[in-house]
Protein backbone atom coordinates (compact mmCIF):
# COMPACT_ATOMS: atom_id res chain seq x y z
CA MET A 1 30.52 110.84 46.61
CA ALA A 2 28.65 110.24 49.86
CA ARG A 3 31.44 111.97 51.73
CA ILE A 4 30.92 115.21 49.80
CA LEU A 5 27.18 115.14 50.47
CA LEU A 6 27.79 114.75 54.19
CA LEU A 7 30.12 117.75 54.20
CA PHE A 8 27.55 119.92 52.48
CA LEU A 9 24.50 118.63 54.34
CA PRO A 10 25.02 120.71 57.54
CA GLY A 11 25.30 123.85 55.43
CA LEU A 12 22.09 123.06 53.58
CA VAL A 13 20.25 122.41 56.81
CA ALA A 14 21.46 125.76 58.20
CA VAL A 15 20.32 127.62 55.08
CA TYR A 16 16.82 126.23 55.32
CA ALA A 17 16.62 126.71 59.11
CA VAL A 18 17.09 130.50 58.95
CA HIS A 19 13.92 132.57 58.72
CA GLY A 20 13.81 136.32 58.72
CA ILE A 21 13.06 139.51 56.91
CA PHE A 22 15.14 142.22 55.28
CA MET A 23 14.16 145.58 56.79
CA ASP A 24 14.62 149.06 55.26
CA ARG A 25 18.16 150.39 55.34
CA LEU A 26 18.88 153.10 57.90
CA ALA A 27 21.89 154.35 55.89
CA SER A 28 23.89 153.48 52.79
CA LYS A 29 27.32 153.76 54.49
CA LYS A 30 28.89 152.99 57.83
CA LEU A 31 32.16 153.81 59.56
CA CYS A 32 34.23 150.93 60.89
CA ALA A 33 37.65 150.27 62.38
CA ASP A 34 38.53 147.88 59.52
CA ASP A 35 37.29 146.98 56.03
CA GLU A 36 35.18 144.04 57.27
CA CYS A 37 33.73 145.82 60.34
CA VAL A 38 34.75 143.02 62.69
CA TYR A 39 36.87 144.94 65.20
CA THR A 40 35.40 146.75 68.18
CA ILE A 41 35.56 150.54 67.85
CA SER A 42 34.77 151.48 71.43
CA LEU A 43 33.07 150.71 74.71
CA ALA A 44 30.20 153.05 75.58
CA ARG A 45 27.84 153.47 78.54
CA ALA A 46 24.10 154.08 78.13
CA GLN A 47 22.97 157.40 79.59
CA GLU A 48 19.27 156.42 79.53
CA ASP A 49 16.93 153.53 78.72
CA TYR A 50 16.04 152.77 75.10
CA ASN A 51 13.26 150.47 73.92
CA ALA A 52 13.91 149.01 70.49
CA PRO A 53 11.17 150.03 68.00
CA ASP A 54 11.79 146.97 65.78
CA CYS A 55 14.12 144.00 65.31
CA ARG A 56 16.99 146.07 63.84
CA PHE A 57 17.56 147.72 67.22
CA ILE A 58 18.56 146.54 70.69
CA ASN A 59 17.02 147.33 74.05
CA VAL A 60 19.36 149.24 76.35
CA LYS A 61 19.10 150.09 80.03
CA LYS A 62 20.72 153.13 81.63
CA GLY A 63 24.20 152.28 82.88
CA GLN A 64 24.73 149.26 80.61
CA GLN A 65 27.96 149.03 78.68
CA ILE A 66 27.81 148.53 74.93
CA TYR A 67 30.53 147.37 72.55
CA VAL A 68 30.35 149.56 69.42
CA TYR A 69 31.18 147.85 66.09
CA SER A 70 30.09 150.39 63.47
CA LYS A 71 28.63 153.87 63.13
CA LEU A 72 26.10 154.57 60.40
CA VAL A 73 26.83 157.64 58.31
CA LYS A 74 23.97 160.08 58.88
CA GLU A 75 21.87 160.85 55.79
CA ASN A 76 19.34 163.66 55.34
CA GLU A 77 17.12 164.03 58.40
CA ALA A 78 17.72 160.50 59.70
CA GLY A 79 19.01 160.01 63.21
CA GLU A 80 22.56 158.89 63.85
CA PHE A 81 22.72 155.22 64.81
CA TRP A 82 25.53 152.97 65.93
CA ALA A 83 25.66 149.17 65.92
CA GLY A 84 26.75 147.30 69.00
CA SER A 85 25.98 144.70 71.62
CA VAL A 86 25.21 145.01 75.33
CA TYR A 87 27.96 143.91 77.68
CA GLY A 88 27.32 142.54 81.14
CA GLU A 89 26.15 139.56 83.13
CA GLY A 90 22.56 138.38 83.01
CA GLN A 91 21.44 140.71 80.23
CA ASP A 92 18.76 139.46 77.84
CA GLU A 93 20.30 141.37 74.94
CA MET A 94 23.93 140.34 75.59
CA GLY A 95 25.61 139.12 72.42
CA ILE A 96 22.84 140.40 70.15
CA VAL A 97 24.10 143.04 67.74
CA GLY A 98 21.69 145.83 66.91
CA TYR A 99 21.35 149.56 66.40
CA PHE A 100 20.79 152.28 68.98
CA PRO A 101 20.83 156.11 68.83
CA SER A 102 24.35 157.50 69.21
CA ASN A 103 23.12 160.29 71.50
CA LEU A 104 21.98 157.60 73.95
CA VAL A 105 25.54 156.69 74.94
CA LYS A 106 28.83 158.19 76.03
CA GLU A 107 32.00 156.51 74.79
CA GLN A 108 34.09 155.37 77.75
CA ARG A 109 37.04 153.92 75.86
CA VAL A 110 38.01 154.10 72.19
CA TYR A 111 39.92 151.02 71.03
CA GLN A 112 40.29 151.97 67.35
CA GLU A 113 39.15 154.98 65.36
CA ALA A 114 36.26 154.43 62.94
CA THR A 115 38.03 155.67 59.82
CA LYS A 116 36.96 153.10 57.18
CA GLU A 117 33.84 154.09 55.25
CA VAL A 118 32.11 150.92 54.07
CA PRO A 119 28.83 150.51 52.15
CA THR A 120 26.03 148.89 54.14
CA THR A 121 24.49 145.70 52.80
CA ASP A 122 21.05 144.10 53.09
CA ILE A 123 22.38 141.76 55.78
CA ASP A 124 23.13 144.79 58.03
CA PHE A 125 19.35 145.23 58.35
CA PHE A 126 18.26 141.58 58.41
CA CYS A 127 15.98 140.46 61.24
CA GLU A 128 15.38 136.90 62.41
């Protein structure tokens, strides 16, 4: 019995250690390279600086490369946003996945086409 509790204890600690907030959804659907949205769609280069307005977004500097993981499906008058992470040495945002305006970047290399339409979930817009 004690063995089972020890196996579950790290998971319980992790659940209670996470604090955050669910933000408003930017879209109800996204385009991905696969059904789980885990594969990289493309590598893009920022054409200008972008300062994140809130925790759903990432800061980007002109010239930085960004791995693109999903593309939100534009709805109504909303802007078109993609999700990705900054690539490069010494970047504060490296490894952090967040949204940025699609017109901010130019795709340099497409690895896989974003052909899978997947519903967004609350966790897509969760901020720590």
